[in-house]
């Protein structure tokens, strides 16, 4: 008899533990919102930093939270963070924490917002006082994806963020047409004149001379701790801190001017290393040189994606 009672107690304890766990999972998922998506940013790229304690707890719970997470996808304020959590649980290889952004311009150079993309899911942010938003189409897309992925064993989808951005640019250009064509004046710049601006305060006569050379086609992007003046047609961006000091110069493939050490944006990774020597720091698609404060990001084919020159 005592043995039977002991077994019943054990079963009841196990049942209560499971029920409490399900209750805890439901409570955690109920508290998810747009604010659960925490991130930092650097050079127009946002990076997920997972500072929300609820998100961290759901990561720890893992697959046991699957049912509740999938059921929450249809809630617009939970769709994105739910997708991020499910991706980290089931497809960590697709969980790229860097969130490149595709800007949305009105009247050619009036920046009104941007698109984020994470593992194929697209959402938007418009204006400094606006919340994030996501379309019903995207919610339905991701709801169908996880249903098929988990119930029928469908393989993870393969996403090309550049292909997604190309499609977004086409859609945005129809919604916000721009008929102006800007000239690329970057071949008129002198690299030493640009470098002299690092660690100096904007505005100044020197900045004005450079900006006049580039032309009247800049876009200003403001964040909490910095702002950028970007010349997309010329492939050069200027990053300023919250005290208006220039901290970093960024160059993209459109840039036709000279660079440090005789480099040009057409150089491939092996050519750069041959020219500048062994990097002081290196990852798969990134190298760094302490002496010049140069960091270079590469595409998978080892051509330059972005070259940055930093101040002190």
C-alpha atoms as a PDB file:
ATOM      1  CA  UNK A   1       0.000   0.000   0.000  1.00  0.00           C
ATOM      2  CA  UNK A   2       2.773   2.412   0.929  1.00  0.00           C
ATOM      3  CA  UNK A   3       4.457   1.609  -2.372  1.00  0.00           C
ATOM      4  CA  UNK A   4       1.304   2.542  -4.295  1.00  0.00           C
ATOM      5  CA  UNK A   5       0.962   5.794  -2.368  1.00  0.00           C
ATOM      6  CA  UNK A   6       4.579   6.653  -3.076  1.00  0.00           C
ATOM      7  CA  UNK A   7       4.068   6.050  -6.801  1.00  0.00           C
ATOM      8  CA  UNK A   8       0.948   8.242  -6.820  1.00  0.00           C
ATOM      9  CA  UNK A   9       2.790  11.036  -5.041  1.00  0.00           C
ATOM     10  CA  UNK A  10       5.636  10.790  -7.536  1.00  0.00           C
ATOM     11  CA  UNK A  11       3.190  10.973 -10.475  1.00  0.00           C
ATOM     12  CA  UNK A  12       1.367  13.955  -8.971  1.00  0.00           C
ATOM     13  CA  UNK A  13       4.632  15.796  -8.340  1.00  0.00           C
ATOM     14  CA  UNK A  14       5.656  15.128 -11.917  1.00  0.00           C
ATOM     15  CA  UNK A  15       2.274  16.349 -13.210  1.00  0.00           C
ATOM     16  CA  UNK A  16       2.391  19.542 -11.147  1.00  0.00           C
ATOM     17  CA  UNK A  17       5.950  20.211 -12.242  1.00  0.00           C
ATOM     18  CA  UNK A  18       4.914  19.858 -15.891  1.00  0.00           C
ATOM     19  CA  UNK A  19       1.867  22.069 -15.377  1.00  0.00           C
ATOM     20  CA  UNK A  20       3.951  24.724 -13.681  1.00  0.00           C
ATOM     21  CA  UNK A  21       6.438  24.550 -16.531  1.00  0.00           C
ATOM     22  CA  UNK A  22       3.682  25.033 -19.128  1.00  0.00           C
ATOM     23  CA  UNK A  23       2.306  27.920 -17.110  1.00  0.00           C
ATOM     24  CA  UNK A  24       5.740  29.510 -16.929  1.00  0.00           C
ATOM     25  CA  UNK A  25       6.229  29.128 -20.675  1.00  0.00           C
ATOM     26  CA  UNK A  26       2.842  30.729 -21.351  1.00  0.00           C
ATOM     27  CA  UNK A  27       3.678  33.601 -19.010  1.00  0.00           C
ATOM     28  CA  UNK A  28       7.017  34.194 -20.729  1.00  0.00           C
ATOM     29  CA  UNK A  29       5.518  34.113 -24.225  1.00  0.00           C
ATOM     30  CA  UNK A  30       2.677  36.436 -23.187  1.00  0.00           C
ATOM     31  CA  UNK A  31       5.261  39.031 -22.147  1.00  0.00           C
ATOM     32  CA  UNK A  32       7.029  39.029 -25.540  1.00  0.00           C
ATOM     33  CA  UNK A  33       6.665  42.201 -27.612  1.00  0.00           C
ATOM     34  CA  UNK A  34       8.551  44.440 -30.017  1.00  0.00           C
ATOM     35  CA  UNK A  35      10.564  45.617 -27.001  1.00  0.00           C
ATOM     36  CA  UNK A  36      11.944  42.086 -26.620  1.00  0.00           C
ATOM     37  CA  UNK A  37      14.086  42.710 -29.721  1.00  0.00           C
ATOM     38  CA  UNK A  38      17.190  44.363 -28.289  1.00  0.00           C
ATOM     39  CA  UNK A  39      20.102  45.421 -30.461  1.00  0.00           C
ATOM     40  CA  UNK A  40      23.144  47.632 -30.879  1.00  0.00           C
ATOM     41  CA  UNK A  41      24.257  49.271 -34.118  1.00  0.00           C
ATOM     42  CA  UNK A  42      27.393  50.175 -36.052  1.00  0.00           C
ATOM     43  CA  UNK A  43      27.638  51.589 -39.572  1.00  0.00           C
ATOM     44  CA  UNK A  44      24.048  51.090 -40.670  1.00  0.00           C
ATOM     45  CA  UNK A  45      24.101  47.525 -39.337  1.00  0.00           C
ATOM     46  CA  UNK A  46      22.108  46.490 -36.295  1.00  0.00           C
ATOM     47  CA  UNK A  47      23.242  43.543 -34.175  1.00  0.00           C
ATOM     48  CA  UNK A  48      20.927  41.522 -31.951  1.00  0.00           C
ATOM     49  CA  UNK A  49      22.362  41.455 -28.428  1.00  0.00           C
ATOM     50  CA  UNK A  50      19.649  39.446 -26.607  1.00  0.00           C
ATOM     51  CA  UNK A  51      19.477  41.522 -23.436  1.00  0.00           C
ATOM     52  CA  UNK A  52      15.848  40.714 -22.727  1.00  0.00           C
ATOM     53  CA  UNK A  53      15.652  38.216 -19.838  1.00  0.00           C
ATOM     54  CA  UNK A  54      12.474  36.604 -21.216  1.00  0.00           C
ATOM     55  CA  UNK A  55      14.150  35.836 -24.531  1.00  0.00           C
ATOM     56  CA  UNK A  56      17.166  34.364 -22.746  1.00  0.00           C
ATOM     57  CA  UNK A  57      14.895  32.156 -20.608  1.00  0.00           C
ATOM     58  CA  UNK A  58      13.018  30.871 -23.668  1.00  0.00           C
ATOM     59  CA  UNK A  59      16.351  30.046 -25.314  1.00  0.00           C
ATOM     60  CA  UNK A  60      17.162  27.959 -22.233  1.00  0.00           C
ATOM     61  CA  UNK A  61      13.798  26.190 -22.276  1.00  0.00           C
ATOM     62  CA  UNK A  62      14.308  25.402 -25.965  1.00  0.00           C
ATOM     63  CA  UNK A  63      12.070  22.994 -27.873  1.00  0.00           C
ATOM     64  CA  UNK A  64       9.694  22.542 -24.932  1.00  0.00           C
ATOM     65  CA  UNK A  65       8.400  26.051 -25.709  1.00  0.00           C
ATOM     66  CA  UNK A  66       7.742  25.286 -29.390  1.00  0.00           C
ATOM     67  CA  UNK A  67       3.949  24.928 -29.255  1.00  0.00           C
ATOM     68  CA  UNK A  68       3.454  28.204 -27.409  1.00  0.00           C
ATOM     69  CA  UNK A  69       5.882  30.052 -29.652  1.00  0.00           C
ATOM     70  CA  UNK A  70       4.227  28.828 -32.852  1.00  0.00           C
ATOM     71  CA  UNK A  71       0.802  29.781 -31.498  1.00  0.00           C
ATOM     72  CA  UNK A  72       2.058  33.334 -30.860  1.00  0.00           C
ATOM     73  CA  UNK A  73       3.307  33.973 -34.414  1.00  0.00           C
ATOM     74  CA  UNK A  74       0.007  35.500 -35.524  1.00  0.00           C
ATOM     75  CA  UNK A  75       0.302  38.277 -32.911  1.00  0.00           C
ATOM     76  CA  UNK A  76       1.974  41.133 -34.845  1.00  0.00           C
ATOM     77  CA  UNK A  77       3.911  42.360 -31.805  1.00  0.00           C
ATOM     78  CA  UNK A  78       5.318  38.864 -31.231  1.00  0.00           C
ATOM     79  CA  UNK A  79       5.882  37.583 -34.785  1.00  0.00           C
ATOM     80  CA  UNK A  80       9.473  38.762 -35.210  1.00  0.00           C
ATOM     81  CA  UNK A  81      10.831  37.872 -31.778  1.00  0.00           C
ATOM     82  CA  UNK A  82       9.078  34.488 -31.961  1.00  0.00           C
ATOM     83  CA  UNK A  83      10.715  33.831 -35.337  1.00  0.00           C
ATOM     84  CA  UNK A  84      14.087  34.838 -33.903  1.00  0.00           C
ATOM     85  CA  UNK A  85      13.701  32.467 -30.940  1.00  0.00           C
ATOM     86  CA  UNK A  86      12.510  29.536 -33.103  1.00  0.00           C
ATOM     87  CA  UNK A  87      15.385  30.124 -35.512  1.00  0.00           C
ATOM     88  CA  UNK A  88      17.906  30.013 -32.667  1.00  0.00           C
ATOM     89  CA  UNK A  89      16.355  26.809 -31.335  1.00  0.00           C
ATOM     90  CA  UNK A  90      15.890  24.910 -34.605  1.00  0.00           C
ATOM     91  CA  UNK A  91      18.178  26.618 -37.135  1.00  0.00           C
ATOM     92  CA  UNK A  92      21.108  28.218 -35.302  1.00  0.00           C
ATOM     93  CA  UNK A  93      23.066  28.139 -38.554  1.00  0.00           C
ATOM     94  CA  UNK A  94      20.550  30.626 -40.005  1.00  0.00           C
ATOM     95  CA  UNK A  95      20.520  32.820 -36.897  1.00  0.00           C
ATOM     96  CA  UNK A  96      22.722  35.631 -38.191  1.00  0.00           C
ATOM     97  CA  UNK A  97      22.633  38.246 -35.438  1.00  0.00           C
ATOM     98  CA  UNK A  98      23.643  41.031 -37.822  1.00  0.00           C
ATOM     99  CA  UNK A  99      20.567  42.778 -39.241  1.00  0.00           C
ATOM    100  CA  UNK A 100      21.556  44.669 -42.392  1.00  0.00           C
ATOM    101  CA  UNK A 101      19.018  47.333 -43.268  1.00  0.00           C
ATOM    102  CA  UNK A 102      17.493  48.532 -46.502  1.00  0.00           C
ATOM    103  CA  UNK A 103      16.687  52.241 -46.316  1.00  0.00           C
ATOM    104  CA  UNK A 104      13.388  53.719 -47.484  1.00  0.00           C
ATOM    105  CA  UNK A 105      13.671  57.156 -49.114  1.00  0.00           C
ATOM    106  CA  UNK A 106      10.941  59.596 -50.060  1.00  0.00           C
ATOM    107  CA  UNK A 107      11.606  62.354 -52.604  1.00  0.00           C
ATOM    108  CA  UNK A 108      14.975  60.776 -53.473  1.00  0.00           C
ATOM    109  CA  UNK A 109      16.949  61.547 -50.318  1.00  0.00           C
ATOM    110  CA  UNK A 110      14.438  62.005 -47.494  1.00  0.00           C
ATOM    111  CA  UNK A 111      15.100  59.018 -45.235  1.00  0.00           C
ATOM    112  CA  UNK A 112      11.765  57.942 -43.729  1.00  0.00           C
ATOM    113  CA  UNK A 113      12.578  54.466 -42.412  1.00  0.00           C
ATOM    114  CA  UNK A 114      14.081  51.105 -43.205  1.00  0.00           C
ATOM    115  CA  UNK A 115      13.471  47.389 -43.634  1.00  0.00           C
ATOM    116  CA  UNK A 116      15.002  44.726 -41.378  1.00  0.00           C
ATOM    117  CA  UNK A 117      15.498  41.121 -42.498  1.00  0.00           C
ATOM    118  CA  UNK A 118      16.132  38.100 -40.284  1.00  0.00           C
ATOM    119  CA  UNK A 119      16.149  34.580 -41.703  1.00  0.00           C
ATOM    120  CA  UNK A 120      13.786  35.562 -44.510  1.00  0.00           C
ATOM    121  CA  UNK A 121      11.341  37.599 -42.400  1.00  0.00           C
ATOM    122  CA  UNK A 122      10.937  41.288 -43.242  1.00  0.00           C
ATOM    123  CA  UNK A 123       9.693  44.050 -40.961  1.00  0.00           C
ATOM    124  CA  UNK A 124       9.913  47.848 -40.918  1.00  0.00           C
ATOM    125  CA  UNK A 125      10.624  50.877 -38.784  1.00  0.00           C
ATOM    126  CA  UNK A 126       9.363  54.323 -39.832  1.00  0.00           C
ATOM    127  CA  UNK A 127      10.244  57.591 -38.154  1.00  0.00           C
ATOM    128  CA  UNK A 128      11.942  58.344 -34.845  1.00  0.00           C
ATOM    129  CA  UNK A 129       8.713  58.099 -32.801  1.00  0.00           C
ATOM    130  CA  UNK A 130       7.267  55.052 -34.546  1.00  0.00           C
ATOM    131  CA  UNK A 131       7.128  51.442 -33.469  1.00  0.00           C
ATOM    132  CA  UNK A 132       8.155  48.559 -35.646  1.00  0.00           C
ATOM    133  CA  UNK A 133       5.541  47.216 -38.029  1.00  0.00           C
ATOM    134  CA  UNK A 134       5.068  44.044 -40.037  1.00  0.00           C
ATOM    135  CA  UNK A 135       2.690  43.254 -42.875  1.00  0.00           C
ATOM    136  CA  UNK A 136       0.013  40.557 -42.778  1.00  0.00           C
ATOM    137  CA  UNK A 137       1.732  38.952 -45.766  1.00  0.00           C
ATOM    138  CA  UNK A 138       4.947  38.498 -43.782  1.00  0.00           C
ATOM    139  CA  UNK A 139       3.067  37.150 -40.754  1.00  0.00           C
ATOM    140  CA  UNK A 140       1.239  34.594 -42.937  1.00  0.00           C
ATOM    141  CA  UNK A 141       4.510  33.678 -44.656  1.00  0.00           C
ATOM    142  CA  UNK A 142       6.371  32.947 -41.453  1.00  0.00           C
ATOM    143  CA  UNK A 143       3.377  31.188 -39.863  1.00  0.00           C
ATOM    144  CA  UNK A 144       3.164  28.833 -42.847  1.00  0.00           C
ATOM    145  CA  UNK A 145       6.918  28.317 -42.808  1.00  0.00           C
ATOM    146  CA  UNK A 146       7.128  27.148 -39.198  1.00  0.00           C
ATOM    147  CA  UNK A 147       4.000  25.012 -39.545  1.00  0.00           C
ATOM    148  CA  UNK A 148       5.479  23.207 -42.563  1.00  0.00           C
ATOM    149  CA  UNK A 149       8.959  23.148 -41.078  1.00  0.00           C
ATOM    150  CA  UNK A 150       7.918  21.490 -37.814  1.00  0.00           C
ATOM    151  CA  UNK A 151       5.011  19.315 -38.957  1.00  0.00           C
ATOM    152  CA  UNK A 152       6.174  18.001 -42.320  1.00  0.00           C
ATOM    153  CA  UNK A 153       9.942  18.048 -41.845  1.00  0.00           C
ATOM    154  CA  UNK A 154      10.498  20.637 -44.566  1.00  0.00           C
ATOM    155  CA  UNK A 155      14.144  21.645 -44.923  1.00  0.00           C
ATOM    156  CA  UNK A 156      15.174  25.135 -43.742  1.00  0.00           C
ATOM    157  CA  UNK A 157      14.800  27.700 -46.486  1.00  0.00           C
ATOM    158  CA  UNK A 158      17.836  29.331 -48.010  1.00  0.00           C
ATOM    159  CA  UNK A 159      17.689  33.120 -48.010  1.00  0.00           C
ATOM    160  CA  UNK A 160      19.792  35.578 -49.993  1.00  0.00           C
ATOM    161  CA  UNK A 161      19.475  38.905 -48.190  1.00  0.00           C
ATOM    162  CA  UNK A 162      20.786  40.809 -51.224  1.00  0.00           C
ATOM    163  CA  UNK A 163      18.096  39.265 -53.414  1.00  0.00           C
ATOM    164  CA  UNK A 164      15.486  40.231 -50.812  1.00  0.00           C
ATOM    165  CA  UNK A 165      16.829  43.797 -50.713  1.00  0.00           C
ATOM    166  CA  UNK A 166      16.763  44.029 -54.513  1.00  0.00           C
ATOM    167  CA  UNK A 167      13.067  43.175 -54.457  1.00  0.00           C
ATOM    168  CA  UNK A 168      12.439  45.679 -51.665  1.00  0.00           C
ATOM    169  CA  UNK A 169      14.233  48.404 -53.625  1.00  0.00           C
ATOM    170  CA  UNK A 170      11.993  47.756 -56.620  1.00  0.00           C
ATOM    171  CA  UNK A 171       8.856  47.919 -54.475  1.00  0.00           C
ATOM    172  CA  UNK A 172      10.032  51.057 -52.657  1.00  0.00           C
ATOM    173  CA  UNK A 173      11.005  52.801 -55.903  1.00  0.00           C
ATOM    174  CA  UNK A 174       7.461  52.277 -57.201  1.00  0.00           C
ATOM    175  CA  UNK A 175       5.942  53.589 -53.989  1.00  0.00           C
ATOM    176  CA  UNK A 176       8.433  56.463 -53.637  1.00  0.00           C
ATOM    177  CA  UNK A 177       9.729  57.237 -57.150  1.00  0.00           C
ATOM    178  CA  UNK A 178      12.896  59.269 -57.677  1.00  0.00           C
ATOM    179  CA  UNK A 179      13.751  60.506 -61.149  1.00  0.00           C
ATOM    180  CA  UNK A 180      16.983  62.256 -60.264  1.00  0.00           C
ATOM    181  CA  UNK A 181      20.357  60.808 -61.252  1.00  0.00           C
ATOM    182  CA  UNK A 182      23.334  61.772 -59.105  1.00  0.00           C
ATOM    183  CA  UNK A 183      26.904  62.024 -60.351  1.00  0.00           C
ATOM    184  CA  UNK A 184      29.747  60.073 -58.779  1.00  0.00           C
ATOM    185  CA  UNK A 185      32.333  62.720 -57.904  1.00  0.00           C
ATOM    186  CA  UNK A 186      34.467  60.563 -55.623  1.00  0.00           C
ATOM    187  CA  UNK A 187      37.403  60.471 -58.066  1.00  0.00           C
ATOM    188  CA  UNK A 188      37.941  64.163 -57.257  1.00  0.00           C
ATOM    189  CA  UNK A 189      38.659  63.455 -53.578  1.00  0.00           C
ATOM    190  CA  UNK A 190      42.152  63.346 -52.066  1.00  0.00           C
ATOM    191  CA  UNK A 191      42.485  60.643 -49.414  1.00  0.00           C
ATOM    192  CA  UNK A 192      44.810  62.688 -47.192  1.00  0.00           C
ATOM    193  CA  UNK A 193      42.233  65.496 -47.098  1.00  0.00           C
ATOM    194  CA  UNK A 194      39.643  62.996 -45.891  1.00  0.00           C
ATOM    195  CA  UNK A 195      41.926  61.486 -43.258  1.00  0.00           C
ATOM    196  CA  UNK A 196      42.751  64.955 -41.873  1.00  0.00           C
ATOM    197  CA  UNK A 197      39.061  65.322 -41.036  1.00  0.00           C
ATOM    198  CA  UNK A 198      39.127  62.357 -38.633  1.00  0.00           C
ATOM    199  CA  UNK A 199      38.733  63.401 -34.986  1.00  0.00           C
ATOM    200  CA  UNK A 200      37.770  66.948 -36.036  1.00  0.00           C
ATOM    201  CA  UNK A 201      34.450  68.624 -35.348  1.00  0.00           C
ATOM    202  CA  UNK A 202      31.695  69.173 -37.895  1.00  0.00           C
ATOM    203  CA  UNK A 203      30.806  71.654 -39.324  1.00  0.00           C
ATOM    204  CA  UNK A 204      33.952  73.340 -40.574  1.00  0.00           C
ATOM    205  CA  UNK A 205      35.326  74.920 -43.736  1.00  0.00           C
ATOM    206  CA  UNK A 206      37.236  71.701 -44.467  1.00  0.00           C
ATOM    207  CA  UNK A 207      34.085  69.590 -44.301  1.00  0.00           C
ATOM    208  CA  UNK A 208      32.245  72.090 -46.469  1.00  0.00           C
ATOM    209  CA  UNK A 209      34.924  71.845 -49.169  1.00  0.00           C
ATOM    210  CA  UNK A 210      34.695  68.044 -49.239  1.00  0.00           C
ATOM    211  CA  UNK A 211      30.899  68.049 -49.289  1.00  0.00           C
ATOM    212  CA  UNK A 212      30.804  70.648 -52.059  1.00  0.00           C
ATOM    213  CA  UNK A 213      33.051  68.381 -54.120  1.00  0.00           C
ATOM    214  CA  UNK A 214      30.743  65.419 -53.590  1.00  0.00           C
ATOM    215  CA  UNK A 215      27.618  67.409 -54.478  1.00  0.00           C
ATOM    216  CA  UNK A 216      24.152  67.936 -53.083  1.00  0.00           C
ATOM    217  CA  UNK A 217      23.091  64.308 -52.764  1.00  0.00           C
ATOM    218  CA  UNK A 218      23.781  63.386 -49.146  1.00  0.00           C
ATOM    219  CA  UNK A 219      21.500  61.606 -46.688  1.00  0.00           C
ATOM    220  CA  UNK A 220      21.696  62.115 -42.920  1.00  0.00           C
ATOM    221  CA  UNK A 221      20.929  59.138 -40.634  1.00  0.00           C
ATOM    222  CA  UNK A 222      20.599  59.914 -36.916  1.00  0.00           C
ATOM    223  CA  UNK A 223      20.863  57.498 -33.990  1.00  0.00           C
ATOM    224  CA  UNK A 224      21.019  57.920 -30.219  1.00  0.00           C
ATOM    225  CA  UNK A 225      24.817  58.139 -30.002  1.00  0.00           C
ATOM    226  CA  UNK A 226      25.930  59.100 -33.508  1.00  0.00           C
ATOM    227  CA  UNK A 227      24.881  60.243 -36.974  1.00  0.00           C
ATOM    228  CA  UNK A 228      26.011  59.564 -40.544  1.00  0.00           C
ATOM    229  CA  UNK A 229      26.294  61.783 -43.587  1.00  0.00           C
ATOM    230  CA  UNK A 230      26.166  59.390 -46.521  1.00  0.00           C
ATOM    231  CA  UNK A 231      26.879  59.906 -50.208  1.00  0.00           C
ATOM    232  CA  UNK A 232      25.473  56.742 -51.753  1.00  0.00           C
ATOM    233  CA  UNK A 233      26.272  57.602 -55.367  1.00  0.00           C
ATOM    234  CA  UNK A 234      29.876  58.319 -54.371  1.00  0.00           C
ATOM    235  CA  UNK A 235      30.298  55.307 -52.089  1.00  0.00           C
ATOM    236  CA  UNK A 236      31.521  57.249 -49.052  1.00  0.00           C
ATOM    237  CA  UNK A 237      29.988  57.730 -45.602  1.00  0.00           C
ATOM    238  CA  UNK A 238      31.035  59.913 -42.670  1.00  0.00           C
ATOM    239  CA  UNK A 239      30.254  58.751 -39.105  1.00  0.00           C
ATOM    240  CA  UNK A 240      30.117  61.368 -36.349  1.00  0.00           C
ATOM    241  CA  UNK A 241      29.797  60.808 -32.605  1.00  0.00           C
ATOM    242  CA  UNK A 242      27.319  62.638 -30.372  1.00  0.00           C
ATOM    243  CA  UNK A 243      29.803  65.532 -30.060  1.00  0.00           C
ATOM    244  CA  UNK A 244      29.903  66.011 -33.863  1.00  0.00           C
ATOM    245  CA  UNK A 245      33.439  64.637 -34.185  1.00  0.00           C
ATOM    246  CA  UNK A 246      34.220  62.498 -37.222  1.00  0.00           C
ATOM    247  CA  UNK A 247      35.114  59.011 -35.957  1.00  0.00           C
ATOM    248  CA  UNK A 248      35.111  56.871 -39.088  1.00  0.00           C
ATOM    249  CA  UNK A 249      35.198  57.025 -42.875  1.00  0.00           C
ATOM    250  CA  UNK A 250      33.424  54.225 -44.742  1.00  0.00           C
ATOM    251  CA  UNK A 251      33.996  53.384 -48.402  1.00  0.00           C
ATOM    252  CA  UNK A 252      31.871  51.120 -50.597  1.00  0.00           C
ATOM    253  CA  UNK A 253      32.499  49.743 -54.118  1.00  0.00           C
ATOM    254  CA  UNK A 254      31.027  52.856 -55.810  1.00  0.00           C
ATOM    255  CA  UNK A 255      33.951  54.889 -54.439  1.00  0.00           C
ATOM    256  CA  UNK A 256      36.378  55.737 -57.266  1.00  0.00           C
ATOM    257  CA  UNK A 257      38.920  57.827 -55.371  1.00  0.00           C
ATOM    258  CA  UNK A 258      42.287  56.879 -53.925  1.00  0.00           C
ATOM    259  CA  UNK A 259      42.772  55.028 -50.650  1.00  0.00           C
ATOM    260  CA  UNK A 260      45.607  54.511 -48.171  1.00  0.00           C
ATOM    261  CA  UNK A 261      48.669  52.682 -49.438  1.00  0.00           C
ATOM    262  CA  UNK A 262      47.701  52.836 -53.085  1.00  0.00           C
ATOM    263  CA  UNK A 263      44.633  50.659 -52.583  1.00  0.00           C
ATOM    264  CA  UNK A 264      41.476  50.991 -54.649  1.00  0.00           C
ATOM    265  CA  UNK A 265      38.064  49.459 -54.052  1.00  0.00           C
ATOM    266  CA  UNK A 266      38.727  47.036 -56.910  1.00  0.00           C
ATOM    267  CA  UNK A 267      41.414  45.190 -54.926  1.00  0.00           C
ATOM    268  CA  UNK A 268      40.672  41.646 -53.763  1.00  0.00           C
ATOM    269  CA  UNK A 269      41.675  40.330 -50.328  1.00  0.00           C
ATOM    270  CA  UNK A 270      44.931  38.678 -51.434  1.00  0.00           C
ATOM    271  CA  UNK A 271      46.001  41.846 -53.294  1.00  0.00           C
ATOM    272  CA  UNK A 272      45.387  43.964 -50.212  1.00  0.00           C
ATOM    273  CA  UNK A 273      47.425  41.647 -47.975  1.00  0.00           C
ATOM    274  CA  UNK A 274      50.213  41.663 -50.540  1.00  0.00           C
ATOM    275  CA  UNK A 275      50.132  45.480 -50.520  1.00  0.00           C
ATOM    276  CA  UNK A 276      49.724  46.124 -46.777  1.00  0.00           C
ATOM    277  CA  UNK A 277      51.247  42.986 -45.276  1.00  0.00           C
ATOM    278  CA  UNK A 278      49.856  40.517 -42.770  1.00  0.00           C
ATOM    279  CA  UNK A 279      46.780  41.895 -40.938  1.00  0.00           C
ATOM    280  CA  UNK A 280      46.962  42.472 -37.187  1.00  0.00           C
ATOM    281  CA  UNK A 281      43.596  40.786 -36.805  1.00  0.00           C
ATOM    282  CA  UNK A 282      41.656  38.567 -39.178  1.00  0.00           C
ATOM    283  CA  UNK A 283      38.430  36.622 -39.465  1.00  0.00           C
ATOM    284  CA  UNK A 284      36.996  34.793 -42.458  1.00  0.00           C
ATOM    285  CA  UNK A 285      35.679  37.840 -44.316  1.00  0.00           C
ATOM    286  CA  UNK A 286      37.307  40.639 -42.336  1.00  0.00           C
ATOM    287  CA  UNK A 287      40.824  41.998 -41.738  1.00  0.00           C
ATOM    288  CA  UNK A 288      42.216  44.800 -39.578  1.00  0.00           C
ATOM    289  CA  UNK A 289      45.432  46.863 -39.585  1.00  0.00           C
ATOM    290  CA  UNK A 290      46.329  48.656 -36.343  1.00  0.00           C
ATOM    291  CA  UNK A 291      48.792  51.107 -37.872  1.00  0.00           C
ATOM    292  CA  UNK A 292      46.339  52.686 -40.301  1.00  0.00           C
ATOM    293  CA  UNK A 293      43.140  51.986 -38.366  1.00  0.00           C
ATOM    294  CA  UNK A 294      41.810  50.170 -41.407  1.00  0.00           C
ATOM    295  CA  UNK A 295      39.110  47.503 -41.260  1.00  0.00           C
ATOM    296  CA  UNK A 296      37.909  45.748 -44.405  1.00  0.00           C
ATOM    297  CA  UNK A 297      34.828  43.559 -44.869  1.00  0.00           C
ATOM    298  CA  UNK A 298      34.735  41.236 -47.870  1.00  0.00           C
ATOM    299  CA  UNK A 299      32.064  39.499 -49.874  1.00  0.00           C
ATOM    300  CA  UNK A 300      32.308  35.715 -50.096  1.00  0.00           C
ATOM    301  CA  UNK A 301      34.230  36.085 -53.367  1.00  0.00           C
ATOM    302  CA  UNK A 302      36.843  38.160 -51.414  1.00  0.00           C
ATOM    303  CA  UNK A 303      36.083  41.444 -53.172  1.00  0.00           C
ATOM    304  CA  UNK A 304      35.685  44.476 -50.931  1.00  0.00           C
ATOM    305  CA  UNK A 305      32.281  45.009 -49.378  1.00  0.00           C
ATOM    306  CA  UNK A 306      33.229  47.911 -47.080  1.00  0.00           C
ATOM    307  CA  UNK A 307      36.521  49.562 -46.146  1.00  0.00           C
ATOM    308  CA  UNK A 308      36.662  51.743 -43.066  1.00  0.00           C
ATOM    309  CA  UNK A 309      39.328  54.119 -41.780  1.00  0.00           C
ATOM    310  CA  UNK A 310      39.047  55.001 -38.105  1.00  0.00           C
ATOM    311  CA  UNK A 311      40.221  57.935 -36.063  1.00  0.00           C
ATOM    312  CA  UNK A 312      42.030  57.577 -32.761  1.00  0.00           C
END
